[in-house]
Amino acid sequence: MQLTCPSCGTTFSIPDGALGEAGRSVKCSRCQHVWHATADGAAPEQSAAVGGSATAPPASGVTEAEPRKRDSRPASGPDSVSSRKDEFSNTIAPFKEKVVDESVPSWDRPLPGVGIEAAPEPGRPWTRVIVASVLMLFVAVTYILRNEIVAVAPSFKPLYNLAGIPLRQAGEGLAFVDLASGAAVDNPDMLRVTGFIQNTSDMRLRIPPVRIVVYDTEKNMLADVVREPPAEVLDPRDLQRFTYDLPSPVKPPRGLYVDVLFTWH
């Protein structure tokens, strides 16, 4: 039977029964057009082939219609040009891209693979726990020992004040008892200050340096000295005696006034 391409009009000769009852998709070897051909739309071949044998149709896929064979006699005119085009199409047909089988719906075709990048492995949680624990321990130590830190390094005191952290006052929990001042018996040129330091708290306290300020009766400062404490620490409710000698200032007519206090400096 004969089959005509609806795109370029080329006529092809195919074996009887190649299209089947339901028809099938065919491809023109000249213009590569693909269409669904049925036996009803194909015309029976007018001339019988001499000494020819029928060619079995492909088992599956798209049937590629081949152009009708012509005799070996030279031809002239439009038929000769068409024959050369058909031979050229048959030569390059195997090298052209294959047509996708349209019998398989697009929704049934497998989806292309999608590359999935593996997520980075999260860091070990115990590292963060250790760092956070060290920071918390550092903050706790600097808060609990804030007074001792300021006593050793007074330059840290403004930092605590800026952070709003209260500091223990110098000598907090300590008190001076039985203070006395006057000229030293063994050296009249020295002013001797004596007394006791008492721990009034229930814990062992460190004794800060002792500051001695001498005024006249009009509150004019005559001397300001700092002396080391008589002991490093003092047990609860205990007493520690001290004696300090310092150069005696010029004694004013109305006498002297001595103030003894604790200081971190």
C-alpha atoms as a PDB file:
ATOM      1  CA  MET A   1       0.000   0.000   0.000  1.00  0.00           C
ATOM      2  CA  GLN A   2       1.035   3.630  -0.451  1.00  0.00           C
ATOM      3  CA  LEU A   3       1.425   6.239   2.247  1.00  0.00           C
ATOM      4  CA  THR A   4       1.711  10.008   1.663  1.00  0.00           C
ATOM      5  CA  CYS A   5       3.484  12.369   4.085  1.00  0.00           C
ATOM      6  CA  PRO A   6       1.033  15.134   5.062  1.00  0.00           C
ATOM      7  CA  SER A   7       3.934  17.559   5.509  1.00  0.00           C
ATOM      8  CA  CYS A   8       6.020  17.325   2.322  1.00  0.00           C
ATOM      9  CA  GLY A   9       3.688  15.206   0.136  1.00  0.00           C
ATOM     10  CA  THR A  10       6.236  12.461  -0.537  1.00  0.00           C
ATOM     11  CA  THR A  11       4.659   9.096  -1.386  1.00  0.00           C
ATOM     12  CA  PHE A  12       6.010   5.937   0.224  1.00  0.00           C
ATOM     13  CA  SER A  13       5.386   2.235  -0.367  1.00  0.00           C
ATOM     14  CA  ILE A  14       4.924   0.045   2.729  1.00  0.00           C
ATOM     15  CA  PRO A  15       3.977  -3.616   3.113  1.00  0.00           C
ATOM     16  CA  ASP A  16       0.312  -4.483   3.539  1.00  0.00           C
ATOM     17  CA  GLY A  17      -0.632  -4.896   7.179  1.00  0.00           C
ATOM     18  CA  ALA A  18       2.344  -2.873   8.476  1.00  0.00           C
ATOM     19  CA  LEU A  19       0.057  -0.316  10.130  1.00  0.00           C
ATOM     20  CA  GLY A  20      -2.199  -2.845  11.838  1.00  0.00           C
ATOM     21  CA  GLU A  21      -5.846  -2.302  12.669  1.00  0.00           C
ATOM     22  CA  ALA A  22      -5.282   0.598  15.132  1.00  0.00           C
ATOM     23  CA  GLY A  23      -2.569   2.241  13.015  1.00  0.00           C
ATOM     24  CA  ARG A  24       0.805   3.403  14.291  1.00  0.00           C
ATOM     25  CA  SER A  25       3.204   6.343  14.366  1.00  0.00           C
ATOM     26  CA  VAL A  26       5.379   6.701  11.275  1.00  0.00           C
ATOM     27  CA  LYS A  27       8.225   9.075  10.326  1.00  0.00           C
ATOM     28  CA  CYS A  28       8.942  10.553   6.977  1.00  0.00           C
ATOM     29  CA  SER A  29      12.534   9.777   5.985  1.00  0.00           C
ATOM     30  CA  ARG A  30      12.637  12.935   3.897  1.00  0.00           C
ATOM     31  CA  CYS A  31      11.369  15.712   6.194  1.00  0.00           C
ATOM     32  CA  GLN A  32      11.391  13.721   9.465  1.00  0.00           C
ATOM     33  CA  HIS A  33       7.723  14.520  10.105  1.00  0.00           C
ATOM     34  CA  VAL A  34       5.972  12.076  12.459  1.00  0.00           C
ATOM     35  CA  TRP A  35       2.237  11.342  12.296  1.00  0.00           C
ATOM     36  CA  HIS A  36      -0.225   8.604  13.199  1.00  0.00           C
ATOM     37  CA  ALA A  37      -1.148   6.650  10.075  1.00  0.00           C
ATOM     38  CA  THR A  38      -4.008   4.173   9.765  1.00  0.00           C
ATOM     39  CA  ALA A  39      -4.841   1.583   7.149  1.00  0.00           C
ATOM     40  CA  ASP A  40      -7.966   3.540   6.208  1.00  0.00           C
ATOM     41  CA  GLY A  41      -5.946   6.588   5.221  1.00  0.00           C
ATOM     42  CA  ALA A  42      -3.416   4.639   3.108  1.00  0.00           C
ATOM     43  CA  ALA A  43      -4.140   4.016  -0.576  1.00  0.00           C
ATOM     44  CA  PRO A  44      -3.607   0.540  -2.084  1.00  0.00           C
ATOM     45  CA  GLU A  45      -0.529   0.302  -4.316  1.00  0.00           C
ATOM     46  CA  GLN A  46      -1.443   0.592  -8.009  1.00  0.00           C
ATOM     47  CA  SER A  47       1.421  -1.423  -9.517  1.00  0.00           C
ATOM     48  CA  ALA A  48       2.547  -4.805  -8.304  1.00  0.00           C
ATOM     49  CA  ALA A  49       6.210  -5.381  -7.564  1.00  0.00           C
ATOM     50  CA  VAL A  50       7.898  -7.871  -9.880  1.00  0.00           C
ATOM     51  CA  GLY A  51       9.840 -10.628  -8.133  1.00  0.00           C
ATOM     52  CA  GLY A  52       9.665  -8.712  -4.860  1.00  0.00           C
ATOM     53  CA  SER A  53       8.975 -10.047  -1.381  1.00  0.00           C
ATOM     54  CA  ALA A  54       7.054  -8.336   1.441  1.00  0.00           C
ATOM     55  CA  THR A  55       9.099  -6.843   4.247  1.00  0.00           C
ATOM     56  CA  ALA A  56       7.957  -7.606   7.820  1.00  0.00           C
ATOM     57  CA  PRO A  57       7.061  -4.543   9.902  1.00  0.00           C
ATOM     58  CA  PRO A  58       9.178  -3.650  12.923  1.00  0.00           C
ATOM     59  CA  ALA A  59       8.136  -5.321  16.139  1.00  0.00           C
ATOM     60  CA  SER A  60       7.662  -2.112  18.107  1.00  0.00           C
ATOM     61  CA  GLY A  61       8.316   1.621  18.140  1.00  0.00           C
ATOM     62  CA  VAL A  62       7.916   4.121  15.341  1.00  0.00           C
ATOM     63  CA  THR A  63       7.614   2.834  11.810  1.00  0.00           C
ATOM     64  CA  GLU A  64       9.772   4.754   9.417  1.00  0.00           C
ATOM     65  CA  ALA A  65       8.167   4.890   5.995  1.00  0.00           C
ATOM     66  CA  GLU A  66      10.606   4.309   3.141  1.00  0.00           C
ATOM     67  CA  PRO A  67      10.109   5.897  -0.255  1.00  0.00           C
ATOM     68  CA  ARG A  68       8.841   3.706  -3.100  1.00  0.00           C
ATOM     69  CA  LYS A  69      11.600   2.012  -5.097  1.00  0.00           C
ATOM     70  CA  ARG A  70      12.069   3.161  -8.616  1.00  0.00           C
ATOM     71  CA  ASP A  71      13.576   1.317 -11.531  1.00  0.00           C
ATOM     72  CA  SER A  72      17.209   1.708 -12.428  1.00  0.00           C
ATOM     73  CA  ARG A  73      16.469   3.481 -15.684  1.00  0.00           C
ATOM     74  CA  PRO A  74      17.592   7.091 -15.798  1.00  0.00           C
ATOM     75  CA  ALA A  75      14.829   9.556 -15.146  1.00  0.00           C
ATOM     76  CA  SER A  76      14.461  13.153 -16.020  1.00  0.00           C
ATOM     77  CA  GLY A  77      12.315  15.983 -14.767  1.00  0.00           C
ATOM     78  CA  PRO A  78      10.800  16.499 -11.318  1.00  0.00           C
ATOM     79  CA  ASP A  79      10.752  12.751 -10.569  1.00  0.00           C
ATOM     80  CA  SER A  80      14.541  12.592 -10.943  1.00  0.00           C
ATOM     81  CA  VAL A  81      15.026  15.432  -8.427  1.00  0.00           C
ATOM     82  CA  SER A  82      12.616  13.798  -5.971  1.00  0.00           C
ATOM     83  CA  SER A  83      14.469  10.492  -6.277  1.00  0.00           C
ATOM     84  CA  ARG A  84      17.810  12.129  -5.435  1.00  0.00           C
ATOM     85  CA  LYS A  85      16.253  13.814  -2.379  1.00  0.00           C
ATOM     86  CA  ASP A  86      14.827  10.491  -1.197  1.00  0.00           C
ATOM     87  CA  GLU A  87      18.217   8.787  -1.551  1.00  0.00           C
ATOM     88  CA  PHE A  88      19.891  11.622   0.384  1.00  0.00           C
ATOM     89  CA  SER A  89      17.267  11.371   3.151  1.00  0.00           C
ATOM     90  CA  ASN A  90      17.781   7.608   3.418  1.00  0.00           C
ATOM     91  CA  THR A  91      21.548   8.149   3.729  1.00  0.00           C
ATOM     92  CA  ILE A  92      21.430  10.635   6.642  1.00  0.00           C
ATOM     93  CA  ALA A  93      18.370   9.156   8.390  1.00  0.00           C
ATOM     94  CA  PRO A  94      20.385   6.779  10.666  1.00  0.00           C
ATOM     95  CA  PHE A  95      22.507   9.713  11.915  1.00  0.00           C
ATOM     96  CA  LYS A  96      19.556  11.877  12.986  1.00  0.00           C
ATOM     97  CA  GLU A  97      18.207  11.947  16.477  1.00  0.00           C
ATOM     98  CA  LYS A  98      15.674   9.281  17.255  1.00  0.00           C
ATOM     99  CA  VAL A  99      12.085  10.382  17.816  1.00  0.00           C
ATOM    100  CA  VAL A 100      10.691   9.894  21.301  1.00  0.00           C
ATOM    101  CA  ASP A 101       8.131   7.128  21.470  1.00  0.00           C
ATOM    102  CA  GLU A 102       4.835   9.008  21.775  1.00  0.00           C
ATOM    103  CA  SER A 103       3.016   5.853  22.835  1.00  0.00           C
ATOM    104  CA  VAL A 104       4.291   6.435  26.407  1.00  0.00           C
ATOM    105  CA  PRO A 105       2.485   9.395  28.069  1.00  0.00           C
ATOM    106  CA  SER A 106       4.724  12.128  29.476  1.00  0.00           C
ATOM    107  CA  TRP A 107       3.355  11.615  33.002  1.00  0.00           C
ATOM    108  CA  ASP A 108       4.451   7.948  32.952  1.00  0.00           C
ATOM    109  CA  ARG A 109       8.046   8.720  31.982  1.00  0.00           C
ATOM    110  CA  PRO A 110      10.637   8.558  34.815  1.00  0.00           C
ATOM    111  CA  LEU A 111      11.676  11.897  36.272  1.00  0.00           C
ATOM    112  CA  PRO A 112      15.287  12.987  35.816  1.00  0.00           C
ATOM    113  CA  GLY A 113      17.561  12.440  38.758  1.00  0.00           C
ATOM    114  CA  VAL A 114      18.035  15.384  41.115  1.00  0.00           C
ATOM    115  CA  GLY A 115      21.322  15.761  42.944  1.00  0.00           C
ATOM    116  CA  ILE A 116      20.953  16.266  46.692  1.00  0.00           C
ATOM    117  CA  GLU A 117      23.824  17.926  48.508  1.00  0.00           C
ATOM    118  CA  ALA A 118      24.513  16.386  51.875  1.00  0.00           C
ATOM    119  CA  ALA A 119      23.999  18.756  54.793  1.00  0.00           C
ATOM    120  CA  PRO A 120      27.144  19.552  56.810  1.00  0.00           C
ATOM    121  CA  GLU A 121      27.547  17.555  59.951  1.00  0.00           C
ATOM    122  CA  PRO A 122      26.685  19.698  62.987  1.00  0.00           C
ATOM    123  CA  GLY A 123      29.408  20.446  65.494  1.00  0.00           C
ATOM    124  CA  ARG A 124      29.727  18.426  68.643  1.00  0.00           C
ATOM    125  CA  PRO A 125      27.402  19.876  71.307  1.00  0.00           C
ATOM    126  CA  TRP A 126      29.736  19.149  74.230  1.00  0.00           C
ATOM    127  CA  THR A 127      32.247  21.729  72.926  1.00  0.00           C
ATOM    128  CA  ARG A 128      29.717  24.521  73.379  1.00  0.00           C
ATOM    129  CA  VAL A 129      28.785  23.180  76.812  1.00  0.00           C
ATOM    130  CA  ILE A 130      32.416  23.288  77.958  1.00  0.00           C
ATOM    131  CA  VAL A 131      32.928  26.848  76.697  1.00  0.00           C
ATOM    132  CA  ALA A 132      29.689  28.038  78.342  1.00  0.00           C
ATOM    133  CA  SER A 133      30.638  26.336  81.623  1.00  0.00           C
ATOM    134  CA  VAL A 134      34.075  27.992  81.668  1.00  0.00           C
ATOM    135  CA  LEU A 135      32.536  31.428  81.052  1.00  0.00           C
ATOM    136  CA  MET A 136      29.953  30.924  83.811  1.00  0.00           C
ATOM    137  CA  LEU A 137      32.659  29.776  86.229  1.00  0.00           C
ATOM    138  CA  PHE A 138      34.784  32.844  85.408  1.00  0.00           C
ATOM    139  CA  VAL A 139      31.850  35.215  86.010  1.00  0.00           C
ATOM    140  CA  ALA A 140      31.002  33.498  89.315  1.00  0.00           C
ATOM    141  CA  VAL A 141      34.584  33.706  90.584  1.00  0.00           C
ATOM    142  CA  THR A 142      34.968  37.361  89.636  1.00  0.00           C
ATOM    143  CA  TYR A 143      31.714  38.128  91.470  1.00  0.00           C
ATOM    144  CA  ILE A 144      32.353  36.133  94.638  1.00  0.00           C
ATOM    145  CA  LEU A 145      35.956  37.300  94.999  1.00  0.00           C
ATOM    146  CA  ARG A 146      35.255  40.847  93.839  1.00  0.00           C
ATOM    147  CA  ASN A 147      36.427  42.441  97.074  1.00  0.00           C
ATOM    148  CA  GLU A 148      39.645  40.451  97.182  1.00  0.00           C
ATOM    149  CA  ILE A 149      40.301  41.294  93.518  1.00  0.00           C
ATOM    150  CA  VAL A 150      39.811  45.010  94.170  1.00  0.00           C
ATOM    151  CA  ALA A 151      42.063  44.783  97.241  1.00  0.00           C
ATOM    152  CA  VAL A 152      44.881  43.269  95.180  1.00  0.00           C
ATOM    153  CA  ALA A 153      44.217  45.289  91.983  1.00  0.00           C
ATOM    154  CA  PRO A 154      42.384  48.564  92.776  1.00  0.00           C
ATOM    155  CA  SER A 155      42.235  49.397  89.042  1.00  0.00           C
ATOM    156  CA  PHE A 156      39.346  46.904  88.727  1.00  0.00           C
ATOM    157  CA  LYS A 157      37.145  48.933  91.055  1.00  0.00           C
ATOM    158  CA  PRO A 158      35.814  51.281  88.293  1.00  0.00           C
ATOM    159  CA  LEU A 159      34.854  48.245  86.210  1.00  0.00           C
ATOM    160  CA  TYR A 160      32.729  46.817  89.021  1.00  0.00           C
ATOM    161  CA  ASN A 161      31.143  50.218  89.608  1.00  0.00           C
ATOM    162  CA  LEU A 162      30.377  50.530  85.879  1.00  0.00           C
ATOM    163  CA  ALA A 163      28.724  47.092  85.895  1.00  0.00           C
ATOM    164  CA  GLY A 164      26.648  48.036  88.962  1.00  0.00           C
ATOM    165  CA  ILE A 165      28.169  45.291  91.122  1.00  0.00           C
ATOM    166  CA  PRO A 166      28.326  46.380  94.785  1.00  0.00           C
ATOM    167  CA  LEU A 167      31.652  46.092  96.548  1.00  0.00           C
ATOM    168  CA  ARG A 168      32.255  45.491 100.215  1.00  0.00           C
ATOM    169  CA  GLN A 169      33.520  48.589 101.939  1.00  0.00           C
ATOM    170  CA  ALA A 170      37.063  48.527 103.245  1.00  0.00           C
ATOM    171  CA  GLY A 171      37.060  47.095 106.755  1.00  0.00           C
ATOM    172  CA  GLU A 172      33.440  45.918 106.585  1.00  0.00           C
ATOM    173  CA  GLY A 173      32.871  43.666 109.614  1.00  0.00           C
ATOM    174  CA  LEU A 174      35.885  45.204 111.416  1.00  0.00           C
ATOM    175  CA  ALA A 175      35.979  47.983 114.005  1.00  0.00           C
ATOM    176  CA  PHE A 176      38.567  50.060 115.873  1.00  0.00           C
ATOM    177  CA  VAL A 177      38.453  49.807 119.658  1.00  0.00           C
ATOM    178  CA  ASP A 178      40.212  51.890 122.387  1.00  0.00           C
ATOM    179  CA  LEU A 179      41.944  54.323 120.050  1.00  0.00           C
ATOM    180  CA  ALA A 180      44.555  56.621 121.608  1.00  0.00           C
ATOM    181  CA  SER A 181      47.105  59.067 120.219  1.00  0.00           C
ATOM    182  CA  GLY A 182      49.913  61.148 121.697  1.00  0.00           C
ATOM    183  CA  ALA A 183      53.602  61.735 121.748  1.00  0.00           C
ATOM    184  CA  ALA A 184      55.704  58.604 121.946  1.00  0.00           C
ATOM    185  CA  VAL A 185      57.352  58.135 125.355  1.00  0.00           C
ATOM    186  CA  ASP A 186      60.647  56.954 123.887  1.00  0.00           C
ATOM    187  CA  ASN A 187      60.627  59.562 121.090  1.00  0.00           C
ATOM    188  CA  PRO A 188      58.698  62.789 121.693  1.00  0.00           C
ATOM    189  CA  ASP A 189      59.085  63.849 118.049  1.00  0.00           C
ATOM    190  CA  MET A 190      56.860  60.972 116.915  1.00  0.00           C
ATOM    191  CA  LEU A 191      53.099  60.793 117.152  1.00  0.00           C
ATOM    192  CA  ARG A 192      52.007  57.369 118.389  1.00  0.00           C
ATOM    193  CA  VAL A 193      48.567  55.959 117.574  1.00  0.00           C
ATOM    194  CA  THR A 194      47.439  52.807 119.386  1.00  0.00           C
ATOM    195  CA  GLY A 195      44.292  50.711 119.640  1.00  0.00           C
ATOM    196  CA  PHE A 196      42.632  47.382 118.753  1.00  0.00           C
ATOM    197  CA  ILE A 197      40.987  45.998 115.630  1.00  0.00           C
ATOM    198  CA  GLN A 198      37.997  43.765 116.366  1.00  0.00           C
ATOM    199  CA  ASN A 199      36.249  41.317 114.036  1.00  0.00           C
ATOM    200  CA  THR A 200      32.537  41.853 114.686  1.00  0.00           C
ATOM    201  CA  SER A 201      31.337  39.279 112.147  1.00  0.00           C
ATOM    202  CA  ASP A 202      30.958  35.492 112.266  1.00  0.00           C
ATOM    203  CA  MET A 203      33.516  34.822 109.533  1.00  0.00           C
ATOM    204  CA  ARG A 204      37.228  35.139 109.161  1.00  0.00           C
ATOM    205  CA  LEU A 205      38.077  38.486 107.563  1.00  0.00           C
ATOM    206  CA  ARG A 206      41.110  39.929 105.873  1.00  0.00           C
ATOM    207  CA  ILE A 207      42.404  43.151 107.462  1.00  0.00           C
ATOM    208  CA  PRO A 208      42.958  45.934 104.909  1.00  0.00           C
ATOM    209  CA  PRO A 209      45.642  48.650 105.283  1.00  0.00           C
ATOM    210  CA  VAL A 210      45.090  51.271 107.982  1.00  0.00           C
ATOM    211  CA  ARG A 211      44.896  54.956 107.064  1.00  0.00           C
ATOM    212  CA  ILE A 212      45.749  57.613 109.677  1.00  0.00           C
ATOM    213  CA  VAL A 213      44.684  61.216 109.039  1.00  0.00           C
ATOM    214  CA  VAL A 214      45.673  64.049 111.399  1.00  0.00           C
ATOM    215  CA  TYR A 215      43.617  67.277 111.530  1.00  0.00           C
ATOM    216  CA  ASP A 216      43.682  70.336 113.660  1.00  0.00           C
ATOM    217  CA  THR A 217      40.620  71.472 115.524  1.00  0.00           C
ATOM    218  CA  GLU A 218      39.512  73.457 112.465  1.00  0.00           C
ATOM    219  CA  LYS A 219      39.565  70.282 110.283  1.00  0.00           C
ATOM    220  CA  ASN A 220      42.690  71.282 108.388  1.00  0.00           C
ATOM    221  CA  MET A 221      44.616  68.163 107.297  1.00  0.00           C
ATOM    222  CA  LEU A 222      48.099  68.014 108.763  1.00  0.00           C
ATOM    223  CA  ALA A 223      49.127  64.436 107.887  1.00  0.00           C
ATOM    224  CA  ASP A 224      47.777  61.530 105.830  1.00  0.00           C
ATOM    225  CA  VAL A 225      49.657  58.203 105.961  1.00  0.00           C
ATOM    226  CA  VAL A 226      48.831  54.552 105.191  1.00  0.00           C
ATOM    227  CA  ARG A 227      50.298  51.689 107.248  1.00  0.00           C
ATOM    228  CA  GLU A 228      50.253  47.955 106.719  1.00  0.00           C
ATOM    229  CA  PRO A 229      47.723  46.028 108.866  1.00  0.00           C
ATOM    230  CA  PRO A 230      48.999  44.452 112.099  1.00  0.00           C
ATOM    231  CA  ALA A 231      47.865  41.016 110.880  1.00  0.00           C
ATOM    232  CA  GLU A 232      46.738  39.525 107.568  1.00  0.00           C
ATOM    233  CA  VAL A 233      43.437  38.003 108.769  1.00  0.00           C
ATOM    234  CA  LEU A 234      41.359  38.123 111.926  1.00  0.00           C
ATOM    235  CA  ASP A 235      39.180  35.336 113.315  1.00  0.00           C
ATOM    236  CA  PRO A 236      35.510  35.962 114.237  1.00  0.00           C
ATOM    237  CA  ARG A 237      35.054  38.040 117.434  1.00  0.00           C
ATOM    238  CA  ASP A 238      38.812  38.293 117.881  1.00  0.00           C
ATOM    239  CA  LEU A 239      40.943  41.391 118.706  1.00  0.00           C
ATOM    240  CA  GLN A 240      44.268  42.524 117.244  1.00  0.00           C
ATOM    241  CA  ARG A 241      46.350  45.266 118.866  1.00  0.00           C
ATOM    242  CA  PHE A 242      48.214  47.816 116.705  1.00  0.00           C
ATOM    243  CA  THR A 243      50.743  50.611 117.273  1.00  0.00           C
ATOM    244  CA  TYR A 244      51.745  53.136 114.628  1.00  0.00           C
ATOM    245  CA  ASP A 245      54.359  55.880 114.916  1.00  0.00           C
ATOM    246  CA  LEU A 246      54.451  58.775 112.462  1.00  0.00           C
ATOM    247  CA  PRO A 247      56.283  62.104 112.408  1.00  0.00           C
ATOM    248  CA  SER A 248      54.517  64.515 114.706  1.00  0.00           C
ATOM    249  CA  PRO A 249      53.156  67.557 112.906  1.00  0.00           C
ATOM    250  CA  VAL A 250      53.429  71.051 114.343  1.00  0.00           C
ATOM    251  CA  LYS A 251      51.079  71.030 117.267  1.00  0.00           C
ATOM    252  CA  PRO A 252      48.538  73.833 116.975  1.00  0.00           C
ATOM    253  CA  PRO A 253      47.508  75.756 120.071  1.00  0.00           C
ATOM    254  CA  ARG A 254      44.204  74.001 120.351  1.00  0.00           C
ATOM    255  CA  GLY A 255      45.489  70.445 119.789  1.00  0.00           C
ATOM    256  CA  LEU A 256      45.216  67.640 117.193  1.00  0.00           C
ATOM    257  CA  TYR A 257      42.473  65.388 115.933  1.00  0.00           C
ATOM    258  CA  VAL A 258      43.402  61.850 114.698  1.00  0.00           C
ATOM    259  CA  ASP A 259      41.129  59.771 112.442  1.00  0.00           C
ATOM    260  CA  VAL A 260      41.879  56.074 111.890  1.00  0.00           C
ATOM    261  CA  LEU A 261      40.091  54.138 109.108  1.00  0.00           C
ATOM    262  CA  PHE A 262      40.520  51.228 106.723  1.00  0.00           C
ATOM    263  CA  THR A 263      41.404  51.608 103.034  1.00  0.00           C
ATOM    264  CA  TRP A 264      42.043  49.382 100.040  1.00  0.00           C
ATOM    265  CA  HIS A 265      44.847  51.680  98.873  1.00  0.00           C
END
